[in-house]
Amino acid sequence: MNEVKPLSTIKVLYVEDDDNARDALAAILKRRVGRLFTARDGREGLELYEAHKPHIIVADLFMPNMGGVEMIRSIRQRGGRPQVIVTTAVSDTSVILNAVDAGIAKYVVKPIEIPSLLEALTQLAEEIVKNDIHKAAALPEDILSRKKELEAGIKKDFSAFMKASTGKGPLDVKVLISGTGLEVTAIGILTQLEKVLLDSYQNIVIIEQNRQLFFSIKNGEIERLIADRLNIHVEVAEIVIDIKRDLNKLIFRWKG
């Protein structure tokens, strides 16, 4: 049985304003982490955090619009508790202490040494999975060892379920199984009628409410659908409806 590396089950957000540096490191990280999101500044990083709730954030301290420390403080104030690694060319003690006070886990000085960063990420990923920060039940090893196969199966099952239930299947479904839970993100899910109604804010609110109601009613069926595929019980922990981006996300936790 192949051992699954904890880092491959983790979502990471990388925030860096230097395009070349961001693209270069992102190319390395996306081959090693479960899912990678990238942002150009703290403001964009904050939006991506709210949308995807990554487990780990790697962020530069000094960026236009919103710096790393301000972004981290905003996330903490909203109740977010991701692990944070900050990167900067500055080694000033007061700057480091300010970042530590904001709640960082590790500090990496630029230019970034890739092995050191990967080691830091791996340590945090191991802590996240081991400590089960979402208070979820432990995930059986046989599920993690068949992660890609099971994710593909859930994608197929969920697409078929949505088409049968609403008359329209999503354009794409992204599934992520991790040691702390399961995410199913449906993209391109709006019906033609819903798209026609997007011309006013009031209609958008109504569509969002209807989507929330739909998943609240159907969550038992969806939980059973996933349980049948994984042979483990799950329960819906969060429903995220983003009509403007035509995206619906269901976040599940493992149920003992």
C-alpha atoms as a PDB file:
ATOM      1  CA  MET A   1       0.000   0.000   0.000  1.00  0.00           C
ATOM      2  CA  ASN A   2       1.423   3.389  -1.008  1.00  0.00           C
ATOM      3  CA  GLU A   3       1.897   5.867   1.806  1.00  0.00           C
ATOM      4  CA  VAL A   4       0.000   9.109   1.281  1.00  0.00           C
ATOM      5  CA  LYS A   5       1.989  12.203   2.223  1.00  0.00           C
ATOM      6  CA  PRO A   6       0.042  14.606   4.470  1.00  0.00           C
ATOM      7  CA  LEU A   7       1.024  17.570   2.277  1.00  0.00           C
ATOM      8  CA  SER A   8      -0.858  16.030  -0.660  1.00  0.00           C
ATOM      9  CA  THR A   9      -4.121  16.274   1.314  1.00  0.00           C
ATOM     10  CA  ILE A  10      -3.740  19.936   2.310  1.00  0.00           C
ATOM     11  CA  LYS A  11      -5.025  23.163   0.718  1.00  0.00           C
ATOM     12  CA  VAL A  12      -2.435  25.953   0.498  1.00  0.00           C
ATOM     13  CA  LEU A  13      -2.858  29.641  -0.318  1.00  0.00           C
ATOM     14  CA  TYR A  14       0.272  31.407  -1.618  1.00  0.00           C
ATOM     15  CA  VAL A  15       0.194  35.225  -1.540  1.00  0.00           C
ATOM     16  CA  GLU A  16       3.009  37.092  -3.318  1.00  0.00           C
ATOM     17  CA  ASP A  17       2.988  40.350  -5.304  1.00  0.00           C
ATOM     18  CA  ASP A  18       6.054  39.515  -7.433  1.00  0.00           C
ATOM     19  CA  ASP A  19       4.600  37.762 -10.495  1.00  0.00           C
ATOM     20  CA  ASN A  20       7.783  35.891 -11.425  1.00  0.00           C
ATOM     21  CA  ALA A  21       8.429  34.676  -7.882  1.00  0.00           C
ATOM     22  CA  ARG A  22       4.792  33.660  -7.435  1.00  0.00           C
ATOM     23  CA  ASP A  23       4.625  31.728 -10.705  1.00  0.00           C
ATOM     24  CA  ALA A  24       7.933  29.953 -10.098  1.00  0.00           C
ATOM     25  CA  LEU A  25       7.081  28.774  -6.590  1.00  0.00           C
ATOM     26  CA  ALA A  26       3.486  27.950  -7.533  1.00  0.00           C
ATOM     27  CA  ALA A  27       4.759  25.589 -10.243  1.00  0.00           C
ATOM     28  CA  ILE A  28       6.624  23.657  -7.548  1.00  0.00           C
ATOM     29  CA  LEU A  29       3.925  23.721  -4.883  1.00  0.00           C
ATOM     30  CA  LYS A  30       1.023  22.636  -7.080  1.00  0.00           C
ATOM     31  CA  ARG A  31       2.746  19.285  -7.690  1.00  0.00           C
ATOM     32  CA  ARG A  32       3.037  18.618  -3.969  1.00  0.00           C
ATOM     33  CA  VAL A  33      -0.054  19.959  -2.208  1.00  0.00           C
ATOM     34  CA  GLY A  34      -3.681  18.860  -2.402  1.00  0.00           C
ATOM     35  CA  ARG A  35      -4.863  22.162  -3.876  1.00  0.00           C
ATOM     36  CA  LEU A  36      -3.031  25.432  -4.424  1.00  0.00           C
ATOM     37  CA  PHE A  37      -4.526  28.916  -4.649  1.00  0.00           C
ATOM     38  CA  THR A  38      -2.462  31.999  -5.514  1.00  0.00           C
ATOM     39  CA  ALA A  39      -3.073  35.689  -4.860  1.00  0.00           C
ATOM     40  CA  ARG A  40      -1.257  38.899  -5.818  1.00  0.00           C
ATOM     41  CA  ASP A  41      -1.822  40.787  -2.570  1.00  0.00           C
ATOM     42  CA  GLY A  42      -3.420  40.510   0.839  1.00  0.00           C
ATOM     43  CA  ARG A  43      -6.799  41.761  -0.315  1.00  0.00           C
ATOM     44  CA  GLU A  44      -7.048  39.080  -2.993  1.00  0.00           C
ATOM     45  CA  GLY A  45      -5.648  36.560  -0.531  1.00  0.00           C
ATOM     46  CA  LEU A  46      -8.386  37.418   1.957  1.00  0.00           C
ATOM     47  CA  GLU A  47     -11.055  36.816  -0.690  1.00  0.00           C
ATOM     48  CA  LEU A  48      -9.540  33.457  -1.637  1.00  0.00           C
ATOM     49  CA  TYR A  49      -9.297  32.445   2.001  1.00  0.00           C
ATOM     50  CA  GLU A  50     -12.988  33.169   2.527  1.00  0.00           C
ATOM     51  CA  ALA A  51     -13.887  31.193  -0.597  1.00  0.00           C
ATOM     52  CA  HIS A  52     -11.675  28.131  -0.065  1.00  0.00           C
ATOM     53  CA  LYS A  53     -10.605  28.016   3.616  1.00  0.00           C
ATOM     54  CA  PRO A  54      -7.052  26.729   2.984  1.00  0.00           C
ATOM     55  CA  HIS A  55      -5.280  24.910   5.796  1.00  0.00           C
ATOM     56  CA  ILE A  56      -1.973  26.771   5.288  1.00  0.00           C
ATOM     57  CA  ILE A  57      -1.142  30.266   4.023  1.00  0.00           C
ATOM     58  CA  VAL A  58       2.284  31.225   2.680  1.00  0.00           C
ATOM     59  CA  ALA A  59       2.408  35.018   2.405  1.00  0.00           C
ATOM     60  CA  ASP A  60       4.825  37.848   1.785  1.00  0.00           C
ATOM     61  CA  LEU A  61       4.794  40.526   4.482  1.00  0.00           C
ATOM     62  CA  PHE A  62       5.040  43.608   2.281  1.00  0.00           C
ATOM     63  CA  MET A  63       2.572  43.891  -0.613  1.00  0.00           C
ATOM     64  CA  PRO A  64       0.467  46.654  -2.200  1.00  0.00           C
ATOM     65  CA  ASN A  65      -3.206  47.136  -1.209  1.00  0.00           C
ATOM     66  CA  MET A  66      -2.901  44.868   1.824  1.00  0.00           C
ATOM     67  CA  GLY A  67       0.223  43.359   3.375  1.00  0.00           C
ATOM     68  CA  GLY A  68       0.626  39.911   4.849  1.00  0.00           C
ATOM     69  CA  VAL A  69       0.256  40.904   8.507  1.00  0.00           C
ATOM     70  CA  GLU A  70      -2.911  42.918   7.848  1.00  0.00           C
ATOM     71  CA  MET A  71      -4.376  40.002   5.898  1.00  0.00           C
ATOM     72  CA  ILE A  72      -3.556  37.549   8.690  1.00  0.00           C
ATOM     73  CA  ARG A  73      -5.078  39.817  11.340  1.00  0.00           C
ATOM     74  CA  SER A  74      -8.255  40.161   9.258  1.00  0.00           C
ATOM     75  CA  ILE A  75      -8.519  36.389   8.939  1.00  0.00           C
ATOM     76  CA  ARG A  76      -7.993  35.930  12.688  1.00  0.00           C
ATOM     77  CA  GLN A  77     -10.617  38.565  13.478  1.00  0.00           C
ATOM     78  CA  ARG A  78     -13.106  36.642  11.336  1.00  0.00           C
ATOM     79  CA  GLY A  79     -12.418  33.451  13.240  1.00  0.00           C
ATOM     80  CA  GLY A  80     -10.044  31.845  10.725  1.00  0.00           C
ATOM     81  CA  ARG A  81      -7.287  29.661  12.154  1.00  0.00           C
ATOM     82  CA  PRO A  82      -5.057  28.609   9.253  1.00  0.00           C
ATOM     83  CA  GLN A  83      -1.397  27.868   9.807  1.00  0.00           C
ATOM     84  CA  VAL A  84       0.704  30.722   8.395  1.00  0.00           C
ATOM     85  CA  ILE A  85       4.218  30.920   6.970  1.00  0.00           C
ATOM     86  CA  VAL A  86       5.434  34.437   6.168  1.00  0.00           C
ATOM     87  CA  THR A  87       8.175  35.242   3.674  1.00  0.00           C
ATOM     88  CA  THR A  88      10.156  38.474   3.367  1.00  0.00           C
ATOM     89  CA  ALA A  89      13.601  39.804   2.554  1.00  0.00           C
ATOM     90  CA  VAL A  90      13.511  41.870   5.755  1.00  0.00           C
ATOM     91  CA  SER A  91      15.159  40.428   8.860  1.00  0.00           C
ATOM     92  CA  ASP A  92      14.291  43.316  11.203  1.00  0.00           C
ATOM     93  CA  THR A  93      13.389  41.978  14.652  1.00  0.00           C
ATOM     94  CA  SER A  94      10.454  44.360  15.134  1.00  0.00           C
ATOM     95  CA  VAL A  95       8.954  43.260  11.817  1.00  0.00           C
ATOM     96  CA  ILE A  96       9.291  39.607  12.780  1.00  0.00           C
ATOM     97  CA  LEU A  97       7.760  40.207  16.213  1.00  0.00           C
ATOM     98  CA  ASN A  98       4.825  42.034  14.626  1.00  0.00           C
ATOM     99  CA  ALA A  99       4.221  39.037  12.358  1.00  0.00           C
ATOM    100  CA  VAL A 100       4.522  36.628  15.283  1.00  0.00           C
ATOM    101  CA  ASP A 101       2.002  38.689  17.224  1.00  0.00           C
ATOM    102  CA  ALA A 102      -0.416  38.337  14.287  1.00  0.00           C
ATOM    103  CA  GLY A 103      -0.261  34.567  14.687  1.00  0.00           C
ATOM    104  CA  ILE A 104       2.278  33.055  12.300  1.00  0.00           C
ATOM    105  CA  ALA A 105       3.598  29.513  12.631  1.00  0.00           C
ATOM    106  CA  LYS A 106       6.883  29.873  10.730  1.00  0.00           C
ATOM    107  CA  TYR A 107       9.087  32.549   9.167  1.00  0.00           C
ATOM    108  CA  VAL A 108      11.115  32.144   5.943  1.00  0.00           C
ATOM    109  CA  VAL A 109      13.660  34.739   4.785  1.00  0.00           C
ATOM    110  CA  LYS A 110      13.950  35.525   1.070  1.00  0.00           C
ATOM    111  CA  PRO A 111      15.404  34.393  -1.231  1.00  0.00           C
ATOM    112  CA  ILE A 112      13.344  31.317  -0.389  1.00  0.00           C
ATOM    113  CA  GLU A 113      15.199  28.028  -0.173  1.00  0.00           C
ATOM    114  CA  ILE A 114      12.738  25.510  -1.615  1.00  0.00           C
ATOM    115  CA  PRO A 115      13.825  22.529   0.549  1.00  0.00           C
ATOM    116  CA  SER A 116      13.419  24.623   3.709  1.00  0.00           C
ATOM    117  CA  LEU A 117       9.965  25.840   2.695  1.00  0.00           C
ATOM    118  CA  LEU A 118       8.815  22.332   1.757  1.00  0.00           C
ATOM    119  CA  GLU A 119      10.088  21.047   5.087  1.00  0.00           C
ATOM    120  CA  ALA A 120       8.120  23.743   6.918  1.00  0.00           C
ATOM    121  CA  LEU A 121       4.990  22.981   4.897  1.00  0.00           C
ATOM    122  CA  THR A 122       5.344  19.255   5.515  1.00  0.00           C
ATOM    123  CA  GLN A 123       5.713  19.772   9.268  1.00  0.00           C
ATOM    124  CA  LEU A 124       2.571  21.900   9.393  1.00  0.00           C
ATOM    125  CA  ALA A 125       0.652  19.447   7.196  1.00  0.00           C
ATOM    126  CA  GLU A 126       1.612  16.580   9.498  1.00  0.00           C
ATOM    127  CA  GLU A 127       0.427  18.576  12.511  1.00  0.00           C
ATOM    128  CA  ILE A 128      -2.879  19.409  10.820  1.00  0.00           C
ATOM    129  CA  VAL A 129      -3.632  15.801   9.936  1.00  0.00           C
ATOM    130  CA  LYS A 130      -2.348  14.401  13.237  1.00  0.00           C
ATOM    131  CA  ASN A 131      -4.124  16.866  15.493  1.00  0.00           C
ATOM    132  CA  ASP A 132      -7.284  16.793  13.380  1.00  0.00           C
ATOM    133  CA  ILE A 133      -7.905  20.503  13.803  1.00  0.00           C
ATOM    134  CA  HIS A 134     -11.481  20.214  12.577  1.00  0.00           C
ATOM    135  CA  LYS A 135     -12.299  17.647  15.286  1.00  0.00           C
ATOM    136  CA  ALA A 136     -13.165  15.095  12.629  1.00  0.00           C
ATOM    137  CA  ALA A 137     -12.981  11.351  13.047  1.00  0.00           C
ATOM    138  CA  ALA A 138      -9.752   9.716  11.863  1.00  0.00           C
ATOM    139  CA  LEU A 139      -9.783   8.845   8.178  1.00  0.00           C
ATOM    140  CA  PRO A 140      -9.018   5.197   7.346  1.00  0.00           C
ATOM    141  CA  GLU A 141      -5.717   4.703   5.553  1.00  0.00           C
ATOM    142  CA  ASP A 142      -7.338   2.652   2.785  1.00  0.00           C
ATOM    143  CA  ILE A 143      -9.338   5.722   1.735  1.00  0.00           C
ATOM    144  CA  LEU A 144      -6.273   7.951   1.556  1.00  0.00           C
ATOM    145  CA  SER A 145      -4.421   5.278  -0.417  1.00  0.00           C
ATOM    146  CA  ARG A 146      -7.217   5.331  -3.054  1.00  0.00           C
ATOM    147  CA  LYS A 147      -7.673   9.101  -2.894  1.00  0.00           C
ATOM    148  CA  LYS A 148      -7.607   9.916  -6.631  1.00  0.00           C
ATOM    149  CA  GLU A 149      -9.843   6.987  -7.552  1.00  0.00           C
ATOM    150  CA  LEU A 150     -12.427   7.881  -4.911  1.00  0.00           C
ATOM    151  CA  GLU A 151     -12.369  11.591  -5.780  1.00  0.00           C
ATOM    152  CA  ALA A 152     -13.102  10.709  -9.415  1.00  0.00           C
ATOM    153  CA  GLY A 153     -15.957   8.446  -8.317  1.00  0.00           C
ATOM    154  CA  ILE A 154     -17.536  11.123  -6.128  1.00  0.00           C
ATOM    155  CA  LYS A 155     -17.211  13.626  -8.985  1.00  0.00           C
ATOM    156  CA  LYS A 156     -19.155  11.282 -11.261  1.00  0.00           C
ATOM    157  CA  ASP A 157     -21.782  10.484  -8.609  1.00  0.00           C
ATOM    158  CA  PHE A 158     -22.349  14.116  -7.634  1.00  0.00           C
ATOM    159  CA  SER A 159     -22.611  15.296 -11.253  1.00  0.00           C
ATOM    160  CA  ALA A 160     -25.239  12.642 -11.968  1.00  0.00           C
ATOM    161  CA  PHE A 161     -27.123  13.528  -8.777  1.00  0.00           C
ATOM    162  CA  MET A 162     -27.268  17.234  -9.635  1.00  0.00           C
ATOM    163  CA  LYS A 163     -28.425  16.555 -13.185  1.00  0.00           C
ATOM    164  CA  ALA A 164     -31.166  14.225 -11.962  1.00  0.00           C
ATOM    165  CA  SER A 165     -32.244  16.679  -9.245  1.00  0.00           C
ATOM    166  CA  THR A 166     -32.130  20.000 -11.121  1.00  0.00           C
ATOM    167  CA  GLY A 167     -32.192  19.016 -14.777  1.00  0.00           C
ATOM    168  CA  LYS A 168     -28.700  20.443 -15.332  1.00  0.00           C
ATOM    169  CA  GLY A 169     -25.387  18.901 -14.414  1.00  0.00           C
ATOM    170  CA  PRO A 170     -22.439  21.133 -13.413  1.00  0.00           C
ATOM    171  CA  LEU A 171     -19.790  21.986 -15.998  1.00  0.00           C
ATOM    172  CA  ASP A 172     -17.149  20.673 -13.611  1.00  0.00           C
ATOM    173  CA  VAL A 173     -16.877  19.183 -10.138  1.00  0.00           C
ATOM    174  CA  LYS A 174     -13.738  19.341  -8.018  1.00  0.00           C
ATOM    175  CA  VAL A 175     -13.384  16.910  -5.118  1.00  0.00           C
ATOM    176  CA  LEU A 176     -10.753  17.008  -2.396  1.00  0.00           C
ATOM    177  CA  ILE A 177     -10.382  14.267   0.211  1.00  0.00           C
ATOM    178  CA  SER A 178      -8.130  15.141   3.132  1.00  0.00           C
ATOM    179  CA  GLY A 179      -7.394  13.874   6.597  1.00  0.00           C
ATOM    180  CA  THR A 180      -9.757  16.483   8.016  1.00  0.00           C
ATOM    181  CA  GLY A 181     -12.726  16.230   5.687  1.00  0.00           C
ATOM    182  CA  LEU A 182     -14.092  16.301   2.172  1.00  0.00           C
ATOM    183  CA  GLU A 183     -14.904  19.164  -0.199  1.00  0.00           C
ATOM    184  CA  VAL A 184     -17.121  18.969  -3.262  1.00  0.00           C
ATOM    185  CA  THR A 185     -17.146  22.094  -5.440  1.00  0.00           C
ATOM    186  CA  ALA A 186     -19.615  22.299  -8.323  1.00  0.00           C
ATOM    187  CA  ILE A 187     -18.764  24.865 -11.012  1.00  0.00           C
ATOM    188  CA  GLY A 188     -21.105  26.103 -13.729  1.00  0.00           C
ATOM    189  CA  ILE A 189     -24.227  24.908 -11.970  1.00  0.00           C
ATOM    190  CA  LEU A 190     -26.733  27.687 -12.718  1.00  0.00           C
ATOM    191  CA  THR A 191     -29.753  26.781 -14.833  1.00  0.00           C
ATOM    192  CA  GLN A 192     -30.737  28.928 -17.827  1.00  0.00           C
ATOM    193  CA  LEU A 193     -33.633  30.405 -15.853  1.00  0.00           C
ATOM    194  CA  GLU A 194     -31.322  31.348 -12.976  1.00  0.00           C
ATOM    195  CA  LYS A 195     -28.887  33.020 -15.385  1.00  0.00           C
ATOM    196  CA  VAL A 196     -31.702  35.136 -16.817  1.00  0.00           C
ATOM    197  CA  LEU A 197     -32.570  36.316 -13.301  1.00  0.00           C
ATOM    198  CA  LEU A 198     -29.044  37.549 -12.496  1.00  0.00           C
ATOM    199  CA  ASP A 199     -29.807  41.096 -13.629  1.00  0.00           C
ATOM    200  CA  SER A 200     -30.747  42.302 -10.148  1.00  0.00           C
ATOM    201  CA  TYR A 201     -29.290  41.971  -6.653  1.00  0.00           C
ATOM    202  CA  GLN A 202     -32.664  40.917  -5.260  1.00  0.00           C
ATOM    203  CA  ASN A 203     -32.841  37.998  -7.683  1.00  0.00           C
ATOM    204  CA  ILE A 204     -29.295  36.936  -6.784  1.00  0.00           C
ATOM    205  CA  VAL A 205     -30.275  36.815  -3.109  1.00  0.00           C
ATOM    206  CA  ILE A 206     -33.348  34.724  -3.959  1.00  0.00           C
ATOM    207  CA  ILE A 207     -31.276  32.282  -6.031  1.00  0.00           C
ATOM    208  CA  GLU A 208     -28.738  31.943  -3.204  1.00  0.00           C
ATOM    209  CA  GLN A 209     -31.517  31.275  -0.701  1.00  0.00           C
ATOM    210  CA  ASN A 210     -33.070  28.671  -3.008  1.00  0.00           C
ATOM    211  CA  ARG A 211     -29.704  26.947  -3.428  1.00  0.00           C
ATOM    212  CA  GLN A 212     -29.153  26.894   0.323  1.00  0.00           C
ATOM    213  CA  LEU A 213     -32.636  25.436   0.785  1.00  0.00           C
ATOM    214  CA  PHE A 214     -32.034  22.837  -1.941  1.00  0.00           C
ATOM    215  CA  PHE A 215     -28.826  21.543  -0.351  1.00  0.00           C
ATOM    216  CA  SER A 216     -30.337  21.678   3.141  1.00  0.00           C
ATOM    217  CA  ILE A 217     -33.178  19.444   1.956  1.00  0.00           C
ATOM    218  CA  LYS A 218     -30.957  17.158  -0.111  1.00  0.00           C
ATOM    219  CA  ASN A 219     -27.974  16.922   2.234  1.00  0.00           C
ATOM    220  CA  GLY A 220     -29.121  13.567   3.615  1.00  0.00           C
ATOM    221  CA  GLU A 221     -29.214  12.069   0.118  1.00  0.00           C
ATOM    222  CA  ILE A 222     -25.818  13.549  -0.714  1.00  0.00           C
ATOM    223  CA  GLU A 223     -24.320  12.243   2.534  1.00  0.00           C
ATOM    224  CA  ARG A 224     -25.583   8.734   1.719  1.00  0.00           C
ATOM    225  CA  LEU A 225     -24.279   9.003  -1.842  1.00  0.00           C
ATOM    226  CA  ILE A 226     -20.784   9.789  -0.570  1.00  0.00           C
ATOM    227  CA  ALA A 227     -20.995   7.227   2.242  1.00  0.00           C
ATOM    228  CA  ASP A 228     -21.841   4.517  -0.292  1.00  0.00           C
ATOM    229  CA  ARG A 229     -18.775   5.434  -2.339  1.00  0.00           C
ATOM    230  CA  LEU A 230     -16.340   5.728   0.591  1.00  0.00           C
ATOM    231  CA  ASN A 231     -17.886   3.208   2.968  1.00  0.00           C
ATOM    232  CA  ILE A 232     -17.607   5.793   5.744  1.00  0.00           C
ATOM    233  CA  HIS A 233     -20.205   8.172   7.163  1.00  0.00           C
ATOM    234  CA  VAL A 234     -19.956  11.895   6.459  1.00  0.00           C
ATOM    235  CA  GLU A 235     -22.005  14.920   7.437  1.00  0.00           C
ATOM    236  CA  VAL A 236     -22.344  18.347   5.846  1.00  0.00           C
ATOM    237  CA  ALA A 237     -20.423  20.916   7.887  1.00  0.00           C
ATOM    238  CA  GLU A 238     -20.813  23.944   5.615  1.00  0.00           C
ATOM    239  CA  ILE A 239     -22.639  24.987   2.446  1.00  0.00           C
ATOM    240  CA  VAL A 240     -21.052  27.777   0.392  1.00  0.00           C
ATOM    241  CA  ILE A 241     -23.120  29.383  -2.375  1.00  0.00           C
ATOM    242  CA  ASP A 242     -21.337  31.879  -4.650  1.00  0.00           C
ATOM    243  CA  ILE A 243     -23.796  32.857  -7.365  1.00  0.00           C
ATOM    244  CA  LYS A 244     -21.572  35.524  -8.931  1.00  0.00           C
ATOM    245  CA  ARG A 245     -18.870  32.924  -9.575  1.00  0.00           C
ATOM    246  CA  ASP A 246     -21.449  30.223 -10.414  1.00  0.00           C
ATOM    247  CA  LEU A 247     -19.970  28.007  -7.730  1.00  0.00           C
ATOM    248  CA  ASN A 248     -21.501  25.815  -5.028  1.00  0.00           C
ATOM    249  CA  LYS A 249     -19.330  24.120  -2.421  1.00  0.00           C
ATOM    250  CA  LEU A 250     -20.207  21.469   0.136  1.00  0.00           C
ATOM    251  CA  ILE A 251     -17.761  20.883   2.976  1.00  0.00           C
ATOM    252  CA  PHE A 252     -18.110  17.582   4.832  1.00  0.00           C
ATOM    253  CA  ARG A 253     -16.484  16.231   7.952  1.00  0.00           C
ATOM    254  CA  TRP A 254     -15.892  12.601   8.748  1.00  0.00           C
ATOM    255  CA  LYS A 255     -18.479  11.203  11.120  1.00  0.00           C
ATOM    256  CA  GLY A 256     -17.435   8.563  13.598  1.00  0.00           C
END
